[in-house]
Amino acid sequence: MKEKLKILIIDDHPMIIEGYQKAISSQSQFTPNIISVNDCEETIAQLNKSKNQGAFDLVLVDIQIPSSRNMKFTSGEDIALYIGNHFKETKIIILTMINKATRLENMIKTIPHNGILIKSDVSKSILVQALFNVMDGGLFYSKSVSKIANRVIQNNDLLDEKNVKIIYHLSRGVKTNQIPEYISLSLSAVEKRKKYIKQFFDVENDEELLVEAKKRGFL
């Protein structure tokens, strides 16, 4: 593990950021250089700046954060996807208040991450343990998420990862013919998968699909 780590904390609650900073700084195995931001707009600015100043080693990102002004980034999920696409070496720990099983299953399957923690599970020792595990190349899930992660691994009976990503991009307003720009599928493959997804949800059109996907926790 590096002696120095460059860390970005993304959360819109100052007291939570302060708690994370204290927990990380309490250990003695490395010296953290911590930058904190409160929304998608500030996050993207810091990430783009890091392209010239050295990428972050670790990003802690809350899922529910304010959008960027242009609405291109509307949540921590969008930020994690951006980091996964542009900063391959950066580790990502997702922290969230979301505890709905289906929603967490889909996070595990579709969002780039090295750890996912439900905030109600997190203590100082848990956060430090997650940090060490992730920076040593492992995965870390807090107690509640771990049970769900094991079920995902053992029983992949939901829509597969690419189908869930299609639903996600449709919910963002991406047109069907544009989806191959975001997912490594041909247009014909996307259209076949959309047909299957509609059958899965028993709906007739995209609007009904998104309504049903939201009801079932896929969005």
C-alpha atoms as a PDB file:
ATOM      1  CA  MET A   1       0.000   0.000   0.000  1.00  0.00           C
ATOM      2  CA  LYS A   2       1.238   3.517  -0.749  1.00  0.00           C
ATOM      3  CA  GLU A   3       2.514   5.689   2.089  1.00  0.00           C
ATOM      4  CA  LYS A   4       0.480   8.566   0.678  1.00  0.00           C
ATOM      5  CA  LEU A   5      -3.018   8.349  -0.751  1.00  0.00           C
ATOM      6  CA  LYS A   6      -4.938  10.980  -2.688  1.00  0.00           C
ATOM      7  CA  ILE A   7      -8.602  10.633  -1.676  1.00  0.00           C
ATOM      8  CA  LEU A   8     -11.776  12.337  -2.919  1.00  0.00           C
ATOM      9  CA  ILE A   9     -14.851  12.299  -0.661  1.00  0.00           C
ATOM     10  CA  ILE A  10     -18.186  13.121  -2.326  1.00  0.00           C
ATOM     11  CA  ASP A  11     -21.154  13.796  -0.045  1.00  0.00           C
ATOM     12  CA  ASP A  12     -23.559  16.677   0.421  1.00  0.00           C
ATOM     13  CA  HIS A  13     -23.611  16.443   4.233  1.00  0.00           C
ATOM     14  CA  PRO A  14     -20.667  18.272   5.872  1.00  0.00           C
ATOM     15  CA  MET A  15     -20.921  16.298   9.136  1.00  0.00           C
ATOM     16  CA  ILE A  16     -20.660  13.006   7.257  1.00  0.00           C
ATOM     17  CA  ILE A  17     -17.610  14.249   5.357  1.00  0.00           C
ATOM     18  CA  GLU A  18     -16.029  15.324   8.647  1.00  0.00           C
ATOM     19  CA  GLY A  19     -16.658  11.865  10.110  1.00  0.00           C
ATOM     20  CA  TYR A  20     -15.045  10.128   7.133  1.00  0.00           C
ATOM     21  CA  GLN A  21     -12.051  12.465   7.266  1.00  0.00           C
ATOM     22  CA  LYS A  22     -11.498  11.787  10.965  1.00  0.00           C
ATOM     23  CA  ALA A  23     -11.804   8.027  10.514  1.00  0.00           C
ATOM     24  CA  ILE A  24      -9.361   7.943   7.598  1.00  0.00           C
ATOM     25  CA  SER A  25      -6.881  10.254   9.314  1.00  0.00           C
ATOM     26  CA  SER A  26      -6.980   8.209  12.536  1.00  0.00           C
ATOM     27  CA  GLN A  27      -4.967   5.319  11.090  1.00  0.00           C
ATOM     28  CA  SER A  28      -1.172   5.479  10.899  1.00  0.00           C
ATOM     29  CA  GLN A  29      -0.282   3.287   7.928  1.00  0.00           C
ATOM     30  CA  PHE A  30      -0.409   6.041   5.319  1.00  0.00           C
ATOM     31  CA  THR A  31      -0.795   9.796   4.997  1.00  0.00           C
ATOM     32  CA  PRO A  32      -4.052  10.795   3.292  1.00  0.00           C
ATOM     33  CA  ASN A  33      -4.397  13.873   1.097  1.00  0.00           C
ATOM     34  CA  ILE A  34      -8.172  14.381   1.282  1.00  0.00           C
ATOM     35  CA  ILE A  35     -10.296  16.632  -0.906  1.00  0.00           C
ATOM     36  CA  SER A  36     -14.052  16.849  -0.284  1.00  0.00           C
ATOM     37  CA  VAL A  37     -16.846  17.995  -2.594  1.00  0.00           C
ATOM     38  CA  ASN A  38     -20.613  18.239  -2.250  1.00  0.00           C
ATOM     39  CA  ASP A  39     -22.171  17.636  -5.680  1.00  0.00           C
ATOM     40  CA  CYS A  40     -21.656  16.310  -9.209  1.00  0.00           C
ATOM     41  CA  GLU A  41     -20.525  19.686 -10.550  1.00  0.00           C
ATOM     42  CA  GLU A  42     -17.640  20.013  -8.069  1.00  0.00           C
ATOM     43  CA  THR A  43     -16.772  16.337  -8.474  1.00  0.00           C
ATOM     44  CA  ILE A  44     -16.303  16.487 -12.225  1.00  0.00           C
ATOM     45  CA  ALA A  45     -14.216  19.650 -11.858  1.00  0.00           C
ATOM     46  CA  GLN A  46     -11.907  17.904  -9.382  1.00  0.00           C
ATOM     47  CA  LEU A  47     -11.677  14.748 -11.489  1.00  0.00           C
ATOM     48  CA  ASN A  48     -10.832  16.706 -14.625  1.00  0.00           C
ATOM     49  CA  LYS A  49      -8.226  18.708 -12.708  1.00  0.00           C
ATOM     50  CA  SER A  50      -6.676  15.452 -11.515  1.00  0.00           C
ATOM     51  CA  LYS A  51      -5.933  14.437 -15.111  1.00  0.00           C
ATOM     52  CA  ASN A  52      -3.037  16.896 -15.016  1.00  0.00           C
ATOM     53  CA  GLN A  53      -2.256  16.783 -11.291  1.00  0.00           C
ATOM     54  CA  GLY A  54      -2.345  13.033 -10.644  1.00  0.00           C
ATOM     55  CA  ALA A  55      -5.426  10.843 -10.428  1.00  0.00           C
ATOM     56  CA  PHE A  56      -7.099  10.051  -7.125  1.00  0.00           C
ATOM     57  CA  ASP A  57      -6.134   6.727  -5.560  1.00  0.00           C
ATOM     58  CA  LEU A  58      -9.547   6.372  -3.930  1.00  0.00           C
ATOM     59  CA  VAL A  59     -12.972   7.995  -4.279  1.00  0.00           C
ATOM     60  CA  LEU A  60     -15.708   7.658  -1.652  1.00  0.00           C
ATOM     61  CA  VAL A  61     -18.989   8.571  -3.313  1.00  0.00           C
ATOM     62  CA  ASP A  62     -22.515   8.930  -1.967  1.00  0.00           C
ATOM     63  CA  ILE A  63     -25.198   7.807  -4.438  1.00  0.00           C
ATOM     64  CA  GLN A  64     -27.667  10.612  -3.701  1.00  0.00           C
ATOM     65  CA  ILE A  65     -25.878  13.898  -4.436  1.00  0.00           C
ATOM     66  CA  PRO A  66     -26.992  17.046  -6.298  1.00  0.00           C
ATOM     67  CA  SER A  67     -26.752  17.022 -10.104  1.00  0.00           C
ATOM     68  CA  SER A  68     -24.364  18.952 -12.307  1.00  0.00           C
ATOM     69  CA  ARG A  69     -25.759  22.143 -13.837  1.00  0.00           C
ATOM     70  CA  ASN A  70     -25.994  20.600 -17.312  1.00  0.00           C
ATOM     71  CA  MET A  71     -27.753  17.486 -15.855  1.00  0.00           C
ATOM     72  CA  LYS A  72     -25.209  15.211 -17.523  1.00  0.00           C
ATOM     73  CA  PHE A  73     -24.361  13.831 -14.093  1.00  0.00           C
ATOM     74  CA  THR A  74     -27.332  13.343 -11.806  1.00  0.00           C
ATOM     75  CA  SER A  75     -26.102  10.995  -9.075  1.00  0.00           C
ATOM     76  CA  GLY A  76     -23.169   9.173  -7.550  1.00  0.00           C
ATOM     77  CA  GLU A  77     -23.923   6.331  -9.951  1.00  0.00           C
ATOM     78  CA  ASP A  78     -23.105   8.600 -12.895  1.00  0.00           C
ATOM     79  CA  ILE A  79     -19.898   9.670 -11.148  1.00  0.00           C
ATOM     80  CA  ALA A  80     -18.852   6.050 -10.546  1.00  0.00           C
ATOM     81  CA  LEU A  81     -19.497   5.227 -14.214  1.00  0.00           C
ATOM     82  CA  TYR A  82     -17.404   8.234 -15.278  1.00  0.00           C
ATOM     83  CA  ILE A  83     -14.533   7.204 -13.007  1.00  0.00           C
ATOM     84  CA  GLY A  84     -14.747   3.618 -14.241  1.00  0.00           C
ATOM     85  CA  ASN A  85     -14.479   4.799 -17.846  1.00  0.00           C
ATOM     86  CA  HIS A  86     -11.768   7.451 -17.432  1.00  0.00           C
ATOM     87  CA  PHE A  87      -9.727   6.588 -14.335  1.00  0.00           C
ATOM     88  CA  LYS A  88      -9.089   2.848 -14.495  1.00  0.00           C
ATOM     89  CA  GLU A  89      -6.667   2.776 -11.540  1.00  0.00           C
ATOM     90  CA  THR A  90      -8.870   4.754  -9.146  1.00  0.00           C
ATOM     91  CA  LYS A  91     -10.614   2.659  -6.489  1.00  0.00           C
ATOM     92  CA  ILE A  92     -14.286   3.415  -5.778  1.00  0.00           C
ATOM     93  CA  ILE A  93     -16.151   2.922  -2.501  1.00  0.00           C
ATOM     94  CA  ILE A  94     -19.881   3.637  -2.742  1.00  0.00           C
ATOM     95  CA  LEU A  95     -21.656   4.788   0.412  1.00  0.00           C
ATOM     96  CA  THR A  96     -25.427   4.991   0.460  1.00  0.00           C
ATOM     97  CA  MET A  97     -28.537   5.197   2.615  1.00  0.00           C
ATOM     98  CA  ILE A  98     -30.323   2.947   0.092  1.00  0.00           C
ATOM     99  CA  ASN A  99     -31.093  -0.437   1.643  1.00  0.00           C
ATOM    100  CA  LYS A 100     -33.642  -1.908  -0.772  1.00  0.00           C
ATOM    101  CA  ALA A 101     -32.375  -5.349  -1.808  1.00  0.00           C
ATOM    102  CA  THR A 102     -33.222  -5.152  -5.511  1.00  0.00           C
ATOM    103  CA  ARG A 103     -31.672  -1.695  -5.801  1.00  0.00           C
ATOM    104  CA  LEU A 104     -28.471  -2.877  -4.134  1.00  0.00           C
ATOM    105  CA  GLU A 105     -28.369  -5.979  -6.333  1.00  0.00           C
ATOM    106  CA  ASN A 106     -28.396  -3.774  -9.393  1.00  0.00           C
ATOM    107  CA  MET A 107     -25.693  -1.491  -7.987  1.00  0.00           C
ATOM    108  CA  ILE A 108     -23.499  -4.537  -7.438  1.00  0.00           C
ATOM    109  CA  LYS A 109     -24.106  -5.718 -10.994  1.00  0.00           C
ATOM    110  CA  THR A 110     -23.902  -2.462 -12.950  1.00  0.00           C
ATOM    111  CA  ILE A 111     -21.895   0.241 -11.159  1.00  0.00           C
ATOM    112  CA  PRO A 112     -18.069   0.185 -11.118  1.00  0.00           C
ATOM    113  CA  HIS A 113     -16.970  -0.278  -7.503  1.00  0.00           C
ATOM    114  CA  ASN A 114     -14.442  -1.834  -5.172  1.00  0.00           C
ATOM    115  CA  GLY A 115     -16.709  -1.555  -2.164  1.00  0.00           C
ATOM    116  CA  ILE A 116     -20.310  -0.738  -1.243  1.00  0.00           C
ATOM    117  CA  LEU A 117     -21.305   0.299   2.263  1.00  0.00           C
ATOM    118  CA  ILE A 118     -24.729   1.141   3.651  1.00  0.00           C
ATOM    119  CA  LYS A 119     -24.233   4.205   5.832  1.00  0.00           C
ATOM    120  CA  SER A 120     -26.157   2.700   8.747  1.00  0.00           C
ATOM    121  CA  ASP A 121     -23.590  -0.140   8.801  1.00  0.00           C
ATOM    122  CA  VAL A 122     -20.597   2.200   8.868  1.00  0.00           C
ATOM    123  CA  SER A 123     -18.456   2.859  11.925  1.00  0.00           C
ATOM    124  CA  LYS A 124     -14.940   4.268  12.136  1.00  0.00           C
ATOM    125  CA  SER A 125     -13.429   0.771  12.205  1.00  0.00           C
ATOM    126  CA  ILE A 126     -15.592  -0.497   9.320  1.00  0.00           C
ATOM    127  CA  LEU A 127     -14.622   2.437   7.107  1.00  0.00           C
ATOM    128  CA  VAL A 128     -10.916   1.975   7.830  1.00  0.00           C
ATOM    129  CA  GLN A 129     -11.206  -1.774   7.204  1.00  0.00           C
ATOM    130  CA  ALA A 130     -12.938  -1.096   3.880  1.00  0.00           C
ATOM    131  CA  LEU A 131     -10.194   1.330   2.903  1.00  0.00           C
ATOM    132  CA  PHE A 132      -7.411  -1.168   3.657  1.00  0.00           C
ATOM    133  CA  ASN A 133      -9.176  -4.039   1.867  1.00  0.00           C
ATOM    134  CA  VAL A 134      -9.899  -1.987  -1.235  1.00  0.00           C
ATOM    135  CA  MET A 135      -6.421  -0.454  -1.487  1.00  0.00           C
ATOM    136  CA  ASP A 136      -4.938  -3.949  -1.124  1.00  0.00           C
ATOM    137  CA  GLY A 137      -6.887  -5.001  -4.200  1.00  0.00           C
ATOM    138  CA  GLY A 138      -9.895  -6.628  -2.556  1.00  0.00           C
ATOM    139  CA  LEU A 139     -13.652  -6.049  -2.534  1.00  0.00           C
ATOM    140  CA  PHE A 140     -15.429  -4.867   0.571  1.00  0.00           C
ATOM    141  CA  TYR A 141     -19.147  -4.920   1.332  1.00  0.00           C
ATOM    142  CA  SER A 142     -20.662  -3.811   4.627  1.00  0.00           C
ATOM    143  CA  LYS A 143     -22.680  -6.401   6.539  1.00  0.00           C
ATOM    144  CA  SER A 144     -26.062  -5.701   4.940  1.00  0.00           C
ATOM    145  CA  VAL A 145     -24.627  -5.509   1.418  1.00  0.00           C
ATOM    146  CA  SER A 146     -22.533  -8.655   1.842  1.00  0.00           C
ATOM    147  CA  LYS A 147     -25.625 -10.837   2.203  1.00  0.00           C
ATOM    148  CA  ILE A 148     -27.061  -9.409  -1.008  1.00  0.00           C
ATOM    149  CA  ALA A 149     -23.735  -9.716  -2.861  1.00  0.00           C
ATOM    150  CA  ASN A 150     -23.544 -13.400  -1.988  1.00  0.00           C
ATOM    151  CA  ARG A 151     -27.048 -13.924  -3.354  1.00  0.00           C
ATOM    152  CA  VAL A 152     -26.150 -12.116  -6.584  1.00  0.00           C
ATOM    153  CA  ILE A 153     -23.120 -14.354  -7.034  1.00  0.00           C
ATOM    154  CA  GLN A 154     -25.021 -17.552  -6.211  1.00  0.00           C
ATOM    155  CA  ASN A 155     -28.269 -16.825  -8.016  1.00  0.00           C
ATOM    156  CA  ASN A 156     -28.079 -14.612 -11.094  1.00  0.00           C
ATOM    157  CA  ASP A 157     -31.772 -14.945 -11.931  1.00  0.00           C
ATOM    158  CA  LEU A 158     -32.525 -11.250 -12.529  1.00  0.00           C
ATOM    159  CA  LEU A 159     -31.953  -9.352 -15.725  1.00  0.00           C
ATOM    160  CA  ASP A 160     -28.297  -9.551 -16.701  1.00  0.00           C
ATOM    161  CA  GLU A 161     -25.893  -6.627 -16.451  1.00  0.00           C
ATOM    162  CA  LYS A 162     -26.319  -5.365 -20.012  1.00  0.00           C
ATOM    163  CA  ASN A 163     -30.105  -5.455 -19.800  1.00  0.00           C
ATOM    164  CA  VAL A 164     -30.011  -3.431 -16.591  1.00  0.00           C
ATOM    165  CA  LYS A 165     -27.658  -0.933 -18.244  1.00  0.00           C
ATOM    166  CA  ILE A 166     -30.102  -0.573 -21.154  1.00  0.00           C
ATOM    167  CA  ILE A 167     -32.857   0.279 -18.671  1.00  0.00           C
ATOM    168  CA  TYR A 168     -30.583   2.773 -16.945  1.00  0.00           C
ATOM    169  CA  HIS A 169     -29.651   4.590 -20.160  1.00  0.00           C
ATOM    170  CA  LEU A 170     -33.270   4.687 -21.312  1.00  0.00           C
ATOM    171  CA  SER A 171     -34.168   6.299 -17.990  1.00  0.00           C
ATOM    172  CA  ARG A 172     -31.538   8.973 -18.692  1.00  0.00           C
ATOM    173  CA  GLY A 173     -33.275   9.856 -21.962  1.00  0.00           C
ATOM    174  CA  VAL A 174     -30.815   8.052 -24.246  1.00  0.00           C
ATOM    175  CA  LYS A 175     -32.490   6.942 -27.489  1.00  0.00           C
ATOM    176  CA  THR A 176     -32.393   3.277 -28.450  1.00  0.00           C
ATOM    177  CA  ASN A 177     -30.208   3.940 -31.491  1.00  0.00           C
ATOM    178  CA  GLN A 178     -27.690   5.753 -29.257  1.00  0.00           C
ATOM    179  CA  ILE A 179     -27.330   2.997 -26.663  1.00  0.00           C
ATOM    180  CA  PRO A 180     -24.526   1.183 -28.582  1.00  0.00           C
ATOM    181  CA  GLU A 181     -22.415   4.284 -27.836  1.00  0.00           C
ATOM    182  CA  TYR A 182     -22.640   3.409 -24.128  1.00  0.00           C
ATOM    183  CA  ILE A 183     -22.752  -0.408 -24.156  1.00  0.00           C
ATOM    184  CA  SER A 184     -20.712  -2.792 -26.296  1.00  0.00           C
ATOM    185  CA  LEU A 185     -23.704  -4.124 -28.235  1.00  0.00           C
ATOM    186  CA  SER A 186     -24.907  -3.710 -31.808  1.00  0.00           C
ATOM    187  CA  LEU A 187     -28.173  -1.860 -32.406  1.00  0.00           C
ATOM    188  CA  SER A 188     -29.906  -5.101 -33.387  1.00  0.00           C
ATOM    189  CA  ALA A 189     -28.729  -6.713 -30.125  1.00  0.00           C
ATOM    190  CA  VAL A 190     -30.035  -3.747 -28.137  1.00  0.00           C
ATOM    191  CA  GLU A 191     -33.400  -3.993 -29.870  1.00  0.00           C
ATOM    192  CA  LYS A 192     -33.627  -7.748 -29.148  1.00  0.00           C
ATOM    193  CA  ARG A 193     -32.774  -7.139 -25.516  1.00  0.00           C
ATOM    194  CA  LYS A 194     -35.372  -4.370 -25.253  1.00  0.00           C
ATOM    195  CA  LYS A 195     -37.974  -6.779 -26.572  1.00  0.00           C
ATOM    196  CA  TYR A 196     -36.973  -9.318 -23.907  1.00  0.00           C
ATOM    197  CA  ILE A 197     -37.015  -6.661 -21.169  1.00  0.00           C
ATOM    198  CA  LYS A 198     -40.556  -5.624 -22.144  1.00  0.00           C
ATOM    199  CA  GLN A 199     -41.629  -9.261 -22.000  1.00  0.00           C
ATOM    200  CA  PHE A 200     -39.910  -9.607 -18.609  1.00  0.00           C
ATOM    201  CA  PHE A 201     -41.869  -6.632 -17.246  1.00  0.00           C
ATOM    202  CA  ASP A 202     -45.013  -7.471 -19.272  1.00  0.00           C
ATOM    203  CA  VAL A 203     -45.249  -3.970 -20.798  1.00  0.00           C
ATOM    204  CA  GLU A 204     -45.863  -2.585 -24.275  1.00  0.00           C
ATOM    205  CA  ASN A 205     -43.698   0.539 -24.552  1.00  0.00           C
ATOM    206  CA  ASP A 206     -40.666   2.355 -23.136  1.00  0.00           C
ATOM    207  CA  GLU A 207     -42.709   4.567 -20.830  1.00  0.00           C
ATOM    208  CA  GLU A 208     -44.404   1.586 -19.185  1.00  0.00           C
ATOM    209  CA  LEU A 209     -41.037  -0.200 -19.037  1.00  0.00           C
ATOM    210  CA  LEU A 210     -39.466   2.631 -17.023  1.00  0.00           C
ATOM    211  CA  VAL A 211     -42.444   2.885 -14.686  1.00  0.00           C
ATOM    212  CA  GLU A 212     -42.325  -0.847 -13.978  1.00  0.00           C
ATOM    213  CA  ALA A 213     -38.514  -0.864 -13.653  1.00  0.00           C
ATOM    214  CA  LYS A 214     -38.746   1.882 -11.029  1.00  0.00           C
ATOM    215  CA  LYS A 215     -41.477   0.002  -9.127  1.00  0.00           C
ATOM    216  CA  ARG A 216     -39.284  -3.089  -8.969  1.00  0.00           C
ATOM    217  CA  GLY A 217     -36.209  -1.209  -7.790  1.00  0.00           C
ATOM    218  CA  PHE A 218     -34.138  -1.282 -10.991  1.00  0.00           C
ATOM    219  CA  LEU A 219     -34.033   2.548 -11.035  1.00  0.00           C
END
